Amino acid sequence: SDTCNVVLTLARIWCGVVTDQVHSKDGAAEWVLPRLPTEHRPVLARARAIYLDDEEDGWDDLRLEASAYAEHVAAKIDRLPGVHSAS
């Protein structure tokens, strides 16, 4: 789904900028998960499980949390050295 792709893409961007390496969606999720505040981990864990076909795609129970995750990770990326916000 779009939600899954956005969640994993944000993880890949954060991981890639910090490590200066390209990672798979699964690899980036593994790197990002322990760096997330506890409240955002279920969102990335769900996206990773969906990507690995371990779970059915569904976000009704995490819709608000997914939005908060996206805001958190986008802010983390924006604050990284060498990353310039478009705003």
PDB file of N, CA and C in Angstrom:
ATOM      1  N   SER A   1       0.839  -1.189   0.000  1.00  0.00           N
ATOM      2  CA  SER A   1       0.000   0.000   0.000  1.00  0.00           C
ATOM      3  C   SER A   1       0.877   1.243   0.000  1.00  0.00           C
ATOM      4  N   ASP A   2       0.259   2.373  -0.241  1.00  0.00           N
ATOM      5  CA  ASP A   2       0.993   3.639  -0.203  1.00  0.00           C
ATOM      6  C   ASP A   2       1.563   3.902   1.185  1.00  0.00           C
ATOM      7  N   THR A   3       0.786   3.598   2.214  1.00  0.00           N
ATOM      8  CA  THR A   3       1.262   3.832   3.582  1.00  0.00           C
ATOM      9  C   THR A   3       2.523   3.026   3.851  1.00  0.00           C
ATOM     10  N   CYS A   4       2.502   1.777   3.494  1.00  0.00           N
ATOM     11  CA  CYS A   4       3.661   0.909   3.703  1.00  0.00           C
ATOM     12  C   CYS A   4       4.877   1.461   2.966  1.00  0.00           C
ATOM     13  N   ASN A   5       4.687   1.853   1.714  1.00  0.00           N
ATOM     14  CA  ASN A   5       5.803   2.377   0.926  1.00  0.00           C
ATOM     15  C   ASN A   5       6.365   3.668   1.505  1.00  0.00           C
ATOM     16  N   VAL A   6       5.500   4.561   1.950  1.00  0.00           N
ATOM     17  CA  VAL A   6       5.964   5.823   2.540  1.00  0.00           C
ATOM     18  C   VAL A   6       6.746   5.553   3.821  1.00  0.00           C
ATOM     19  N   VAL A   7       6.216   4.697   4.672  1.00  0.00           N
ATOM     20  CA  VAL A   7       6.885   4.371   5.941  1.00  0.00           C
ATOM     21  C   VAL A   7       8.280   3.799   5.680  1.00  0.00           C
ATOM     22  N   LEU A   8       8.371   2.858   4.753  1.00  0.00           N
ATOM     23  CA  LEU A   8       9.663   2.238   4.463  1.00  0.00           C
ATOM     24  C   LEU A   8      10.610   3.183   3.722  1.00  0.00           C
ATOM     25  N   THR A   9      10.079   4.017   2.846  1.00  0.00           N
ATOM     26  CA  THR A   9      10.918   4.976   2.128  1.00  0.00           C
ATOM     27  C   THR A   9      11.537   5.984   3.084  1.00  0.00           C
ATOM     28  N   LEU A  10      10.763   6.469   4.033  1.00  0.00           N
ATOM     29  CA  LEU A  10      11.321   7.387   5.030  1.00  0.00           C
ATOM     30  C   LEU A  10      12.436   6.710   5.823  1.00  0.00           C
ATOM     31  N   ALA A  11      12.244   5.446   6.165  1.00  0.00           N
ATOM     32  CA  ALA A  11      13.291   4.707   6.877  1.00  0.00           C
ATOM     33  C   ALA A  11      14.542   4.588   6.007  1.00  0.00           C
ATOM     34  N   ARG A  12      14.364   4.313   4.723  1.00  0.00           N
ATOM     35  CA  ARG A  12      15.518   4.188   3.818  1.00  0.00           C
ATOM     36  C   ARG A  12      16.271   5.503   3.681  1.00  0.00           C
ATOM     37  N   ILE A  13      15.536   6.600   3.603  1.00  0.00           N
ATOM     38  CA  ILE A  13      16.191   7.905   3.478  1.00  0.00           C
ATOM     39  C   ILE A  13      17.017   8.196   4.727  1.00  0.00           C
ATOM     40  N   TRP A  14      16.401   8.050   5.901  1.00  0.00           N
ATOM     41  CA  TRP A  14      17.106   8.319   7.156  1.00  0.00           C
ATOM     42  C   TRP A  14      18.358   7.440   7.261  1.00  0.00           C
ATOM     43  N   CYS A  15      18.177   6.160   7.069  1.00  0.00           N
ATOM     44  CA  CYS A  15      19.282   5.212   7.167  1.00  0.00           C
ATOM     45  C   CYS A  15      20.363   5.527   6.131  1.00  0.00           C
ATOM     46  N   GLY A  16      19.951   5.800   4.914  1.00  0.00           N
ATOM     47  CA  GLY A  16      20.904   6.062   3.842  1.00  0.00           C
ATOM     48  C   GLY A  16      21.730   7.314   4.060  1.00  0.00           C
ATOM     49  N   VAL A  17      21.086   8.375   4.522  1.00  0.00           N
ATOM     50  CA  VAL A  17      21.818   9.624   4.762  1.00  0.00           C
ATOM     51  C   VAL A  17      22.814   9.446   5.907  1.00  0.00           C
ATOM     52  N   VAL A  18      22.402   8.777   6.960  1.00  0.00           N
ATOM     53  CA  VAL A  18      23.287   8.607   8.123  1.00  0.00           C
ATOM     54  C   VAL A  18      24.439   7.648   7.826  1.00  0.00           C
ATOM     55  N   THR A  19      24.155   6.547   7.149  1.00  0.00           N
ATOM     56  CA  THR A  19      25.189   5.530   6.918  1.00  0.00           C
ATOM     57  C   THR A  19      25.953   5.736   5.617  1.00  0.00           C
ATOM     58  N   ASP A  20      25.444   6.607   4.757  1.00  0.00           N
ATOM     59  CA  ASP A  20      26.031   6.855   3.439  1.00  0.00           C
ATOM     60  C   ASP A  20      26.077   5.578   2.608  1.00  0.00           C
ATOM     61  N   GLN A  21      25.060   4.739   2.783  1.00  0.00           N
ATOM     62  CA  GLN A  21      24.930   3.492   2.035  1.00  0.00           C
ATOM     63  C   GLN A  21      23.477   3.318   1.618  1.00  0.00           C
ATOM     64  N   VAL A  22      23.281   2.585   0.525  1.00  0.00           N
ATOM     65  CA  VAL A  22      21.932   2.248   0.090  1.00  0.00           C
ATOM     66  C   VAL A  22      21.543   0.939   0.766  1.00  0.00           C
ATOM     67  N   HIS A  23      20.379   0.931   1.389  1.00  0.00           N
ATOM     68  CA  HIS A  23      19.890  -0.260   2.089  1.00  0.00           C
ATOM     69  C   HIS A  23      18.571  -0.711   1.486  1.00  0.00           C
ATOM     70  N   SER A  24      18.303  -1.991   1.597  1.00  0.00           N
ATOM     71  CA  SER A  24      16.989  -2.502   1.215  1.00  0.00           C
ATOM     72  C   SER A  24      15.947  -1.931   2.172  1.00  0.00           C
ATOM     73  N   LYS A  25      14.691  -2.048   1.805  1.00  0.00           N
ATOM     74  CA  LYS A  25      13.628  -1.584   2.702  1.00  0.00           C
ATOM     75  C   LYS A  25      13.702  -2.331   4.025  1.00  0.00           C
ATOM     76  N   ASP A  26      13.899  -3.628   3.939  1.00  0.00           N
ATOM     77  CA  ASP A  26      13.997  -4.453   5.141  1.00  0.00           C
ATOM     78  C   ASP A  26      15.226  -4.077   5.972  1.00  0.00           C
ATOM     79  N   GLY A  27      16.354  -3.897   5.319  1.00  0.00           N
ATOM     80  CA  GLY A  27      17.582  -3.530   6.021  1.00  0.00           C
ATOM     81  C   GLY A  27      17.489  -2.168   6.684  1.00  0.00           C
ATOM     82  N   ALA A  28      16.881  -1.217   5.985  1.00  0.00           N
ATOM     83  CA  ALA A  28      16.701   0.117   6.561  1.00  0.00           C
ATOM     84  C   ALA A  28      15.776   0.054   7.769  1.00  0.00           C
ATOM     85  N   ALA A  29      14.707  -0.720   7.657  1.00  0.00           N
ATOM     86  CA  ALA A  29      13.778  -0.855   8.784  1.00  0.00           C
ATOM     87  C   ALA A  29      14.497  -1.439   9.995  1.00  0.00           C
ATOM     88  N   GLU A  30      15.336  -2.423   9.760  1.00  0.00           N
ATOM     89  CA  GLU A  30      16.097  -3.036  10.857  1.00  0.00           C
ATOM     90  C   GLU A  30      17.023  -2.012  11.519  1.00  0.00           C
ATOM     91  N   TRP A  31      17.632  -1.148  10.717  1.00  0.00           N
ATOM     92  CA  TRP A  31      18.532  -0.123  11.253  1.00  0.00           C
ATOM     93  C   TRP A  31      17.762   0.948  12.019  1.00  0.00           C
ATOM     94  N   VAL A  32      16.613   1.364  11.484  1.00  0.00           N
ATOM     95  CA  VAL A  32      15.844   2.469  12.069  1.00  0.00           C
ATOM     96  C   VAL A  32      15.091   2.046  13.329  1.00  0.00           C
ATOM     97  N   LEU A  33      14.542   0.853  13.365  1.00  0.00           N
ATOM     98  CA  LEU A  33      13.677   0.440  14.485  1.00  0.00           C
ATOM     99  C   LEU A  33      14.251   0.758  15.867  1.00  0.00           C
ATOM    100  N   PRO A  34      15.477   0.376  16.179  1.00  0.00           N
ATOM    101  CA  PRO A  34      15.974   0.667  17.534  1.00  0.00           C
ATOM    102  C   PRO A  34      16.260   2.150  17.782  1.00  0.00           C
ATOM    103  N   ARG A  35      16.268   2.944  16.732  1.00  0.00           N
ATOM    104  CA  ARG A  35      16.536   4.377  16.868  1.00  0.00           C
ATOM    105  C   ARG A  35      15.259   5.198  17.015  1.00  0.00           C
ATOM    106  N   LEU A  36      14.130   4.543  16.888  1.00  0.00           N
ATOM    107  CA  LEU A  36      12.838   5.220  17.016  1.00  0.00           C
ATOM    108  C   LEU A  36      12.378   5.260  18.463  1.00  0.00           C
ATOM    109  N   PRO A  37      11.664   6.315  18.834  1.00  0.00           N
ATOM    110  CA  PRO A  37      10.980   6.282  20.127  1.00  0.00           C
ATOM    111  C   PRO A  37       9.985   5.109  20.127  1.00  0.00           C
ATOM    112  N   THR A  38       9.768   4.553  21.268  1.00  0.00           N
ATOM    113  CA  THR A  38       8.912   3.373  21.402  1.00  0.00           C
ATOM    114  C   THR A  38       7.559   3.531  20.721  1.00  0.00           C
ATOM    115  N   GLU A  39       6.962   4.710  20.819  1.00  0.00           N
ATOM    116  CA  GLU A  39       5.617   4.890  20.265  1.00  0.00           C
ATOM    117  C   GLU A  39       5.567   4.815  18.738  1.00  0.00           C
ATOM    118  N   HIS A  40       6.699   4.971  18.058  1.00  0.00           N
ATOM    119  CA  HIS A  40       6.711   4.923  16.591  1.00  0.00           C
ATOM    120  C   HIS A  40       7.115   3.554  16.043  1.00  0.00           C
ATOM    121  N   ARG A  41       7.621   2.697  16.877  1.00  0.00           N
ATOM    122  CA  ARG A  41       8.111   1.395  16.417  1.00  0.00           C
ATOM    123  C   ARG A  41       7.035   0.496  15.818  1.00  0.00           C
ATOM    124  N   PRO A  42       5.812   0.459  16.361  1.00  0.00           N
ATOM    125  CA  PRO A  42       4.804  -0.423  15.763  1.00  0.00           C
ATOM    126  C   PRO A  42       4.498  -0.097  14.299  1.00  0.00           C
ATOM    127  N   VAL A  43       4.607   1.164  13.926  1.00  0.00           N
ATOM    128  CA  VAL A  43       4.322   1.563  12.540  1.00  0.00           C
ATOM    129  C   VAL A  43       5.362   0.959  11.602  1.00  0.00           C
ATOM    130  N   LEU A  44       6.628   1.144  11.916  1.00  0.00           N
ATOM    131  CA  LEU A  44       7.685   0.601  11.061  1.00  0.00           C
ATOM    132  C   LEU A  44       7.701  -0.922  11.117  1.00  0.00           C
ATOM    133  N   ALA A  45       7.443  -1.490  12.273  1.00  0.00           N
ATOM    134  CA  ALA A  45       7.385  -2.951  12.387  1.00  0.00           C
ATOM    135  C   ALA A  45       6.269  -3.512  11.511  1.00  0.00           C
ATOM    136  N   ARG A  46       5.122  -2.846  11.481  1.00  0.00           N
ATOM    137  CA  ARG A  46       4.013  -3.291  10.625  1.00  0.00           C
ATOM    138  C   ARG A  46       4.404  -3.195   9.155  1.00  0.00           C
ATOM    139  N   ALA A  47       4.987  -2.075   8.752  1.00  0.00           N
ATOM    140  CA  ALA A  47       5.380  -1.903   7.350  1.00  0.00           C
ATOM    141  C   ALA A  47       6.392  -2.971   6.933  1.00  0.00           C
ATOM    142  N   ARG A  48       7.325  -3.245   7.800  1.00  0.00           N
ATOM    143  CA  ARG A  48       8.336  -4.272   7.506  1.00  0.00           C
ATOM    144  C   ARG A  48       7.689  -5.648   7.380  1.00  0.00           C
ATOM    145  N   ALA A  49       6.785  -5.959   8.276  1.00  0.00           N
ATOM    146  CA  ALA A  49       6.092  -7.252   8.232  1.00  0.00           C
ATOM    147  C   ALA A  49       5.255  -7.385   6.960  1.00  0.00           C
ATOM    148  N   ILE A  50       4.601  -6.307   6.557  1.00  0.00           N
ATOM    149  CA  ILE A  50       3.821  -6.325   5.314  1.00  0.00           C
ATOM    150  C   ILE A  50       4.759  -6.542   4.130  1.00  0.00           C
ATOM    151  N   TYR A  51       5.857  -5.815   4.106  1.00  0.00           N
ATOM    152  CA  TYR A  51       6.840  -5.926   3.032  1.00  0.00           C
ATOM    153  C   TYR A  51       7.371  -7.358   2.922  1.00  0.00           C
ATOM    154  N   LEU A  52       7.584  -8.004   4.049  1.00  0.00           N
ATOM    155  CA  LEU A  52       8.108  -9.373   4.067  1.00  0.00           C
ATOM    156  C   LEU A  52       7.016 -10.427   3.921  1.00  0.00           C
ATOM    157  N   ASP A  53       5.777  -9.973   3.681  1.00  0.00           N
ATOM    158  CA  ASP A  53       4.609 -10.857   3.550  1.00  0.00           C
ATOM    159  C   ASP A  53       4.326 -11.663   4.811  1.00  0.00           C
ATOM    160  N   ASP A  54       4.701 -11.114   5.955  1.00  0.00           N
ATOM    161  CA  ASP A  54       4.408 -11.758   7.232  1.00  0.00           C
ATOM    162  C   ASP A  54       3.071 -11.302   7.806  1.00  0.00           C
ATOM    163  N   GLU A  55       2.521 -10.217   7.248  1.00  0.00           N
ATOM    164  CA  GLU A  55       1.241  -9.664   7.712  1.00  0.00           C
ATOM    165  C   GLU A  55       0.445  -9.177   6.523  1.00  0.00           C
ATOM    166  N   GLU A  56      -0.873  -9.174   6.691  1.00  0.00           N
ATOM    167  CA  GLU A  56      -1.751  -8.582   5.685  1.00  0.00           C
ATOM    168  C   GLU A  56      -1.612  -7.069   5.743  1.00  0.00           C
ATOM    169  N   ASP A  57      -1.766  -6.426   4.588  1.00  0.00           N
ATOM    170  CA  ASP A  57      -1.693  -4.969   4.523  1.00  0.00           C
ATOM    171  C   ASP A  57      -2.943  -4.379   5.154  1.00  0.00           C
ATOM    172  N   GLY A  58      -2.763  -3.578   6.175  1.00  0.00           N
ATOM    173  CA  GLY A  58      -3.875  -2.919   6.849  1.00  0.00           C
ATOM    174  C   GLY A  58      -3.358  -1.889   7.825  1.00  0.00           C
ATOM    175  N   TRP A  59      -4.007  -0.717   7.827  1.00  0.00           N
ATOM    176  CA  TRP A  59      -3.521   0.389   8.639  1.00  0.00           C
ATOM    177  C   TRP A  59      -4.600   1.049   9.478  1.00  0.00           C
ATOM    178  N   ASP A  60      -5.808   0.525   9.478  1.00  0.00           N
ATOM    179  CA  ASP A  60      -6.903   1.181  10.204  1.00  0.00           C
ATOM    180  C   ASP A  60      -6.561   1.416  11.673  1.00  0.00           C
ATOM    181  N   ASP A  61      -5.885   0.465  12.294  1.00  0.00           N
ATOM    182  CA  ASP A  61      -5.570   0.586  13.722  1.00  0.00           C
ATOM    183  C   ASP A  61      -4.343   1.453  14.000  1.00  0.00           C
ATOM    184  N   LEU A  62      -3.579   1.790  12.962  1.00  0.00           N
ATOM    185  CA  LEU A  62      -2.365   2.588  13.155  1.00  0.00           C
ATOM    186  C   LEU A  62      -2.336   3.842  12.277  1.00  0.00           C
ATOM    187  N   ARG A  63      -3.482   4.246  11.777  1.00  0.00           N
ATOM    188  CA  ARG A  63      -3.521   5.390  10.846  1.00  0.00           C
ATOM    189  C   ARG A  63      -2.929   6.658  11.483  1.00  0.00           C
ATOM    190  N   LEU A  64      -3.375   7.017  12.675  1.00  0.00           N
ATOM    191  CA  LEU A  64      -2.852   8.219  13.334  1.00  0.00           C
ATOM    192  C   LEU A  64      -1.380   8.058  13.695  1.00  0.00           C
ATOM    193  N   GLU A  65      -1.010   6.872  14.126  1.00  0.00           N
ATOM    194  CA  GLU A  65       0.373   6.609  14.493  1.00  0.00           C
ATOM    195  C   GLU A  65       1.291   6.678  13.273  1.00  0.00           C
ATOM    196  N   ALA A  66       0.783   6.241  12.111  1.00  0.00           N
ATOM    197  CA  ALA A  66       1.579   6.303  10.882  1.00  0.00           C
ATOM    198  C   ALA A  66       1.881   7.745  10.508  1.00  0.00           C
ATOM    199  N   SER A  67       0.910   8.606  10.691  1.00  0.00           N
ATOM    200  CA  SER A  67       1.114  10.031  10.416  1.00  0.00           C
ATOM    201  C   SER A  67       2.152  10.624  11.367  1.00  0.00           C
ATOM    202  N   ALA A  68       2.059  10.275  12.637  1.00  0.00           N
ATOM    203  CA  ALA A  68       3.023  10.768  13.626  1.00  0.00           C
ATOM    204  C   ALA A  68       4.426  10.234  13.328  1.00  0.00           C
ATOM    205  N   TYR A  69       4.512   8.971  12.915  1.00  0.00           N
ATOM    206  CA  TYR A  69       5.801   8.382  12.521  1.00  0.00           C
ATOM    207  C   TYR A  69       6.411   9.180  11.372  1.00  0.00           C
ATOM    208  N   ALA A  70       5.605   9.449  10.349  1.00  0.00           N
ATOM    209  CA  ALA A  70       6.102  10.178   9.179  1.00  0.00           C
ATOM    210  C   ALA A  70       6.619  11.558   9.573  1.00  0.00           C
ATOM    211  N   GLU A  71       5.890  12.243  10.416  1.00  0.00           N
ATOM    212  CA  GLU A  71       6.329  13.568  10.874  1.00  0.00           C
ATOM    213  C   GLU A  71       7.641  13.467  11.653  1.00  0.00           C
ATOM    214  N   HIS A  72       7.722  12.480  12.523  1.00  0.00           N
ATOM    215  CA  HIS A  72       8.929  12.304  13.342  1.00  0.00           C
ATOM    216  C   HIS A  72      10.151  12.019  12.468  1.00  0.00           C
ATOM    217  N   VAL A  73      10.024  11.060  11.560  1.00  0.00           N
ATOM    218  CA  VAL A  73      11.172  10.669  10.741  1.00  0.00           C
ATOM    219  C   VAL A  73      11.548  11.789   9.768  1.00  0.00           C
ATOM    220  N   ALA A  74      10.568  12.454   9.183  1.00  0.00           N
ATOM    221  CA  ALA A  74      10.865  13.579   8.288  1.00  0.00           C
ATOM    222  C   ALA A  74      11.624  14.672   9.040  1.00  0.00           C
ATOM    223  N   ALA A  75      11.243  14.930  10.275  1.00  0.00           N
ATOM    224  CA  ALA A  75      11.942  15.932  11.088  1.00  0.00           C
ATOM    225  C   ALA A  75      13.369  15.478  11.393  1.00  0.00           C
ATOM    226  N   LYS A  76      13.553  14.194  11.677  1.00  0.00           N
ATOM    227  CA  LYS A  76      14.896  13.658  11.920  1.00  0.00           C
ATOM    228  C   LYS A  76      15.774  13.864  10.687  1.00  0.00           C
ATOM    229  N   ILE A  77      15.224  13.543   9.524  1.00  0.00           N
ATOM    230  CA  ILE A  77      15.966  13.686   8.271  1.00  0.00           C
ATOM    231  C   ILE A  77      16.326  15.151   8.041  1.00  0.00           C
ATOM    232  N   ASP A  78      15.367  16.027   8.255  1.00  0.00           N
ATOM    233  CA  ASP A  78      15.582  17.468   8.057  1.00  0.00           C
ATOM    234  C   ASP A  78      16.712  18.015   8.924  1.00  0.00           C
ATOM    235  N   ARG A  79      16.885  17.438  10.108  1.00  0.00           N
ATOM    236  CA  ARG A  79      17.901  17.933  11.043  1.00  0.00           C
ATOM    237  C   ARG A  79      19.296  17.346  10.799  1.00  0.00           C
ATOM    238  N   LEU A  80      19.405  16.410   9.867  1.00  0.00           N
ATOM    239  CA  LEU A  80      20.707  15.794   9.609  1.00  0.00           C
ATOM    240  C   LEU A  80      21.632  16.774   8.891  1.00  0.00           C
ATOM    241  N   PRO A  81      22.915  16.735   9.206  1.00  0.00           N
ATOM    242  CA  PRO A  81      23.867  17.610   8.520  1.00  0.00           C
ATOM    243  C   PRO A  81      23.847  17.345   7.013  1.00  0.00           C
ATOM    244  N   GLY A  82      23.853  18.406   6.256  1.00  0.00           N
ATOM    245  CA  GLY A  82      23.874  18.280   4.803  1.00  0.00           C
ATOM    246  C   GLY A  82      22.517  18.139   4.160  1.00  0.00           C
ATOM    247  N   VAL A  83      21.469  18.031   4.956  1.00  0.00           N
ATOM    248  CA  VAL A  83      20.113  17.934   4.421  1.00  0.00           C
ATOM    249  C   VAL A  83      19.465  19.293   4.579  1.00  0.00           C
ATOM    250  N   HIS A  84      18.953  19.802   3.482  1.00  0.00           N
ATOM    251  CA  HIS A  84      18.332  21.125   3.514  1.00  0.00           C
ATOM    252  C   HIS A  84      16.852  20.992   3.222  1.00  0.00           C
ATOM    253  N   SER A  85      16.042  21.532   4.083  1.00  0.00           N
ATOM    254  CA  SER A  85      14.592  21.501   3.926  1.00  0.00           C
ATOM    255  C   SER A  85      14.187  22.372   2.750  1.00  0.00           C
ATOM    256  N   ALA A  86      13.122  21.956   2.074  1.00  0.00           N
ATOM    257  CA  ALA A  86      12.584  22.728   0.950  1.00  0.00           C
ATOM    258  C   ALA A  86      11.798  23.929   1.434  1.00  0.00           C
ATOM    259  N   SER A  87      11.512  23.998   2.729  1.00  0.00           N
ATOM    260  CA  SER A  87      10.707  25.113   3.240  1.00  0.00           C
ATOM    261  C   SER A  87      11.528  26.342   3.518  1.00  0.00           C
TER     262      SER A  87
END
